[in-house]
Each structure stands twice: as structure tokens, then as C-alpha cells.
Amino acid sequence: KQDYLCHHVENNGDPYEGLPEMTFHFANADWKLPPLNIFRMVESVIACFAIKDGEVPIFGNVVQPNMHVKYDLGKRLLSLAPAECTQG
């Protein structure tokens, strides 16, 4: 059984160019993730889907780069906002 969905990508500077985005739909918001947040380069020209299936969905560090994520446990709210985290 294959564990990952992989794509052959062009070695032209941006390995994520042409890979699909993914949108998670919540009750009051959609969370649109760029390819950088859902694929990992496993070789210079192979990008693999980095989210595995399972009974409990976990949105871990793989899908959260360049995102501000705020958890308000008292109000049971999750807030998401894109961010440029590489800037000091």
C-alpha cells in the first residue's frame, strides 16, 4: 500500500508551482492552504502530499507554516490568518 500521493515536479526554481491548493471547510470559514503547506519535497523533483489519513484530523506544523493560528479555548474559537514568518 502506498502511503503518500506524490507528483513529479519541474526543477525550475519553484518546485511547488503547478501543484494543487487545498481548502478545509469549517462552519464559519474556509482555510485555503497553498501547495507549500501540504506538500513536502522528498527528492529534487518529487513532491509528496504531507497529510496522512486517520480517524483524528490533526492540523500540525506541516500545514501551519506562514500562518498565525489563535486558539481561544474559552470561546471555543480557532482563528487563522496568513503571515510572512520569514521576516524578522
Protein backbone atom coordinates (compact mmCIF):
# COMPACT_ATOMS: atom_id res chain seq x y z
CA LYS A 1 0.00 0.00 0.00
CA GLN A 2 1.32 3.44 -0.94
CA ASP A 3 1.28 5.87 1.98
CA TYR A 4 1.68 9.12 0.06
CA LEU A 5 0.37 10.82 -3.08
CA CYS A 6 3.38 12.14 -4.99
CA HIS A 7 3.88 14.36 -8.02
CA HIS A 8 6.81 14.75 -10.37
CA VAL A 9 7.63 18.47 -10.48
CA GLU A 10 9.81 20.55 -12.76
CA ASN A 11 13.20 21.57 -11.44
CA ASN A 12 12.76 25.23 -12.47
CA GLY A 13 13.28 27.18 -9.24
CA ASP A 14 9.82 26.84 -7.65
CA PRO A 15 9.11 23.15 -7.08
CA TYR A 16 5.59 23.93 -5.78
CA GLU A 17 4.48 25.71 -8.97
CA GLY A 18 1.59 23.86 -10.58
CA LEU A 19 0.74 21.76 -7.52
CA PRO A 20 -2.84 21.99 -6.25
CA GLU A 21 -4.05 24.03 -3.30
CA MET A 22 -6.34 22.57 -0.65
CA THR A 23 -9.24 24.18 1.18
CA PHE A 24 -10.60 22.96 4.50
CA HIS A 25 -14.21 23.98 5.05
CA PHE A 26 -15.32 24.81 8.59
CA ALA A 27 -18.72 26.00 9.85
CA ASN A 28 -17.92 29.72 9.53
CA ALA A 29 -14.74 29.86 7.47
CA ASP A 30 -12.62 28.26 4.79
CA TRP A 31 -8.90 27.65 5.32
CA LYS A 32 -7.09 27.75 1.97
CA LEU A 33 -3.64 26.18 2.03
CA PRO A 34 -1.03 26.75 -0.67
CA PRO A 35 1.00 23.80 -2.01
CA LEU A 36 3.95 24.72 0.25
CA ASN A 37 1.77 23.89 3.27
CA ILE A 38 0.56 20.49 2.06
CA PHE A 39 3.44 19.01 0.05
CA ARG A 40 7.00 18.12 1.04
CA MET A 41 9.88 17.66 -1.34
CA VAL A 42 11.25 14.13 -0.93
CA GLU A 43 13.64 14.42 -3.87
CA SER A 44 14.63 17.37 -6.04
CA VAL A 45 11.79 16.61 -8.49
CA ILE A 46 9.33 14.65 -6.30
CA ALA A 47 6.75 16.40 -4.06
CA CYS A 48 4.56 14.22 -1.82
CA PHE A 49 1.28 15.06 -0.10
CA ALA A 50 2.22 15.51 3.55
CA ILE A 51 -1.13 14.84 5.22
CA LYS A 52 -1.98 11.26 6.12
CA ASP A 53 -5.48 10.00 6.71
CA GLY A 54 -6.61 8.84 10.09
CA GLU A 55 -9.52 8.84 12.48
CA VAL A 56 -8.50 12.09 14.19
CA PRO A 57 -7.61 15.06 11.96
CA ILE A 58 -4.53 16.89 13.17
CA PHE A 59 -3.51 20.25 11.75
CA GLY A 60 0.11 20.24 12.86
CA ASN A 61 3.23 22.10 11.91
CA VAL A 62 3.18 20.71 8.36
CA VAL A 63 0.12 22.76 7.36
CA GLN A 64 0.77 25.81 9.55
CA PRO A 65 3.90 27.49 8.09
CA ASN A 66 3.39 31.20 7.48
CA MET A 67 0.11 31.16 9.40
CA HIS A 68 -0.94 32.89 12.58
CA VAL A 69 -3.11 30.44 14.50
CA LYS A 70 -5.02 31.62 17.56
CA TYR A 71 -6.82 29.27 19.91
CA ASP A 72 -9.48 30.77 22.19
CA LEU A 73 -10.38 27.81 24.37
CA GLY A 74 -12.88 29.79 26.47
CA LYS A 75 -14.94 30.75 23.43
CA ARG A 76 -14.08 27.54 21.55
CA LEU A 77 -12.80 29.53 18.58
CA LEU A 78 -9.93 28.99 16.18
CA SER A 79 -8.66 31.99 14.19
CA LEU A 80 -6.40 31.70 11.15
CA ALA A 81 -4.54 34.39 9.24
CA PRO A 82 -1.78 34.23 6.63
CA ALA A 83 1.55 35.65 7.79
CA GLU A 84 5.04 36.18 6.41
CA CYS A 85 7.00 34.42 9.15
CA THR A 86 10.38 34.64 7.42
CA GLN A 87 10.51 38.40 8.06
CA GLY A 88 12.21 39.29 11.39
